[in-house]
Amino acid sequence: QVQLVESGGGLVQPGGSLRLSCAASGITFSRNEMGWYRQAPGKQRELVAVITNGGTTNYADSVKGRFTISRDNAKRTVYLQMNSLKPGDTAVYYCNQRNWLGSTIYTYWGQGTQVTVSS
C-alpha cells in the first residue's frame, strides 16, 4: 500500500504562483510514475503533469510553459510549481502514483487539495 499526502493548495490571484507537494509513504516500487491530475466542478478529472522516476515529464497542453513538475526520489516527493495561474486552473488537484510490478499496474491517489484562482 502507498499513501499520498498533498499540501500547498490555496487561494491565489490571477497571475500568481503556488507550489504543490505530494509525499509518498508505504511500500516502494522500483518503477513508478508520479503526477498531478485536477478536477473542476462539473468536469472530468484530467491530467496536469506526470514525471517518471527517471525524470521524463509530460504536461497537458493547457499548462505547458506555466507549470513545472519535479520530484525528489530520496524524499519520495513530487512537486508542482504553478506560475501565471488563471481562473481556469481552479480545481481540486490530486496527486497520483502509478507503480509497475511486472505487467501489473498499481495506482494510488491522494485526497486532493483545492486550488482557487480568483481576484
Protein backbone atom coordinates (compact mmCIF):
# COMPACT_ATOMS: atom_id res chain seq x y z
CA GLN A 1 0.00 0.00 0.00
CA VAL A 2 1.10 3.55 -0.76
CA GLN A 3 -0.17 6.69 0.97
CA LEU A 4 -0.01 10.07 -0.74
CA VAL A 5 -0.37 13.33 1.18
CA GLU A 6 -0.73 16.61 -0.71
CA SER A 7 -0.09 20.12 0.56
CA GLY A 8 0.25 23.63 -0.79
CA GLY A 9 -3.16 24.45 -2.22
CA GLY A 10 -5.00 27.68 -1.51
CA LEU A 11 -6.39 30.91 -2.91
CA VAL A 12 -4.28 32.98 -5.29
CA GLN A 13 -4.93 35.92 -7.57
CA PRO A 14 -4.69 35.56 -11.36
CA GLY A 15 -1.07 35.73 -12.43
CA GLY A 16 0.12 34.40 -9.09
CA SER A 17 2.01 31.26 -8.19
CA LEU A 18 1.55 28.23 -5.97
CA ARG A 19 3.65 25.17 -5.26
CA LEU A 20 2.02 21.85 -4.53
CA SER A 21 3.81 18.99 -2.79
CA CYS A 22 2.92 15.33 -2.51
CA ALA A 23 4.77 13.00 -0.18
CA ALA A 24 4.53 9.24 -0.61
CA SER A 25 4.91 6.66 2.13
CA GLY A 26 4.46 2.93 2.36
CA ILE A 27 5.87 0.30 0.05
CA THR A 28 8.32 1.29 -2.68
CA PHE A 29 8.22 0.16 -6.28
CA SER A 30 11.36 0.35 -8.39
CA ARG A 31 9.45 1.65 -11.42
CA ASN A 32 6.84 4.31 -10.94
CA GLU A 33 5.35 7.47 -12.30
CA MET A 34 4.08 10.31 -10.11
CA GLY A 35 1.84 13.05 -11.27
CA TRP A 36 -0.88 15.58 -10.76
CA TYR A 37 -4.43 15.50 -12.04
CA ARG A 38 -7.18 18.03 -11.46
CA GLN A 39 -10.93 18.11 -11.41
CA ALA A 40 -13.01 21.25 -11.74
CA PRO A 41 -16.69 21.31 -10.73
CA GLY A 42 -18.83 19.55 -13.32
CA LYS A 43 -15.82 18.33 -15.28
CA GLN A 44 -13.92 15.08 -15.54
CA ARG A 45 -10.58 14.59 -13.85
CA GLU A 46 -7.77 15.47 -16.24
CA LEU A 47 -4.03 15.02 -16.43
CA VAL A 48 -1.93 18.04 -15.49
CA ALA A 49 1.60 16.66 -15.46
CA VAL A 50 3.46 13.44 -14.77
CA ILE A 51 7.08 12.51 -14.16
CA THR A 52 8.74 9.11 -14.16
CA ASN A 53 11.31 8.05 -11.60
CA GLY A 54 13.85 8.56 -14.40
CA GLY A 55 12.79 12.19 -14.78
CA THR A 56 10.80 12.04 -18.01
CA THR A 57 7.93 14.53 -17.93
CA ASN A 58 4.66 15.04 -19.75
CA TYR A 59 2.32 18.03 -19.49
CA ALA A 60 -1.18 18.91 -20.55
CA ASP A 61 -1.12 21.48 -23.35
CA SER A 62 -3.06 23.92 -21.18
CA VAL A 63 -0.25 24.17 -18.60
CA LYS A 64 2.88 23.91 -20.76
CA GLY A 65 5.21 26.79 -20.12
CA ARG A 66 3.45 27.73 -16.87
CA PHE A 67 3.68 24.62 -14.67
CA THR A 68 6.76 22.59 -13.80
CA ILE A 69 6.72 19.14 -12.26
CA SER A 70 9.72 17.79 -10.37
CA ARG A 71 10.48 15.06 -7.90
CA ASP A 72 12.91 14.21 -5.14
CA ASN A 73 13.29 10.45 -5.18
CA ALA A 74 15.15 10.37 -1.87
CA LYS A 75 12.22 12.12 -0.19
CA ARG A 76 9.63 10.30 -2.32
CA THR A 77 8.05 13.65 -3.01
CA VAL A 78 6.69 15.21 -6.18
CA TYR A 79 6.21 18.94 -6.65
CA LEU A 80 4.13 21.05 -8.99
CA GLN A 81 5.26 24.65 -9.41
CA MET A 82 2.37 26.62 -10.88
CA ASN A 83 3.07 30.08 -12.30
CA SER A 84 0.92 32.56 -14.20
CA LEU A 85 -2.18 30.99 -12.75
CA LYS A 86 -5.51 31.59 -14.46
CA PRO A 87 -9.08 31.28 -13.18
CA GLY A 88 -9.39 28.23 -15.44
CA ASP A 89 -6.79 26.48 -13.28
CA THR A 90 -9.24 26.43 -10.37
CA ALA A 91 -9.83 22.81 -9.39
CA VAL A 92 -9.11 20.15 -6.83
CA TYR A 93 -5.62 18.86 -7.58
CA TYR A 94 -4.93 15.19 -6.92
CA CYS A 95 -1.57 13.51 -6.55
CA ASN A 96 -1.26 10.19 -8.35
CA GLN A 97 1.29 7.42 -8.32
CA ARG A 98 1.35 4.53 -10.78
CA ASN A 99 3.62 1.62 -9.99
CA TRP A 100 4.68 -1.22 -12.23
CA LEU A 101 5.33 -4.68 -10.89
CA GLY A 102 5.88 -6.83 -13.93
CA SER A 103 2.84 -6.30 -16.13
CA THR A 104 0.61 -5.22 -13.24
CA ILE A 105 0.00 -1.52 -12.55
CA TYR A 106 -0.91 -0.36 -9.05
CA THR A 107 -2.48 3.10 -8.86
CA TYR A 108 -2.83 5.29 -5.80
CA TRP A 109 -4.44 8.70 -5.24
CA GLY A 110 -4.09 11.41 -2.66
CA GLN A 111 -7.04 13.07 -1.01
CA GLY A 112 -6.83 16.22 -3.13
CA THR A 113 -6.02 19.85 -2.43
CA GLN A 114 -8.10 22.82 -3.54
CA VAL A 115 -6.56 25.47 -5.78
CA THR A 116 -8.66 28.57 -6.35
CA VAL A 117 -7.54 31.33 -8.71
CA SER A 118 -9.66 34.41 -8.22
CA SER A 119 -9.38 38.14 -7.72
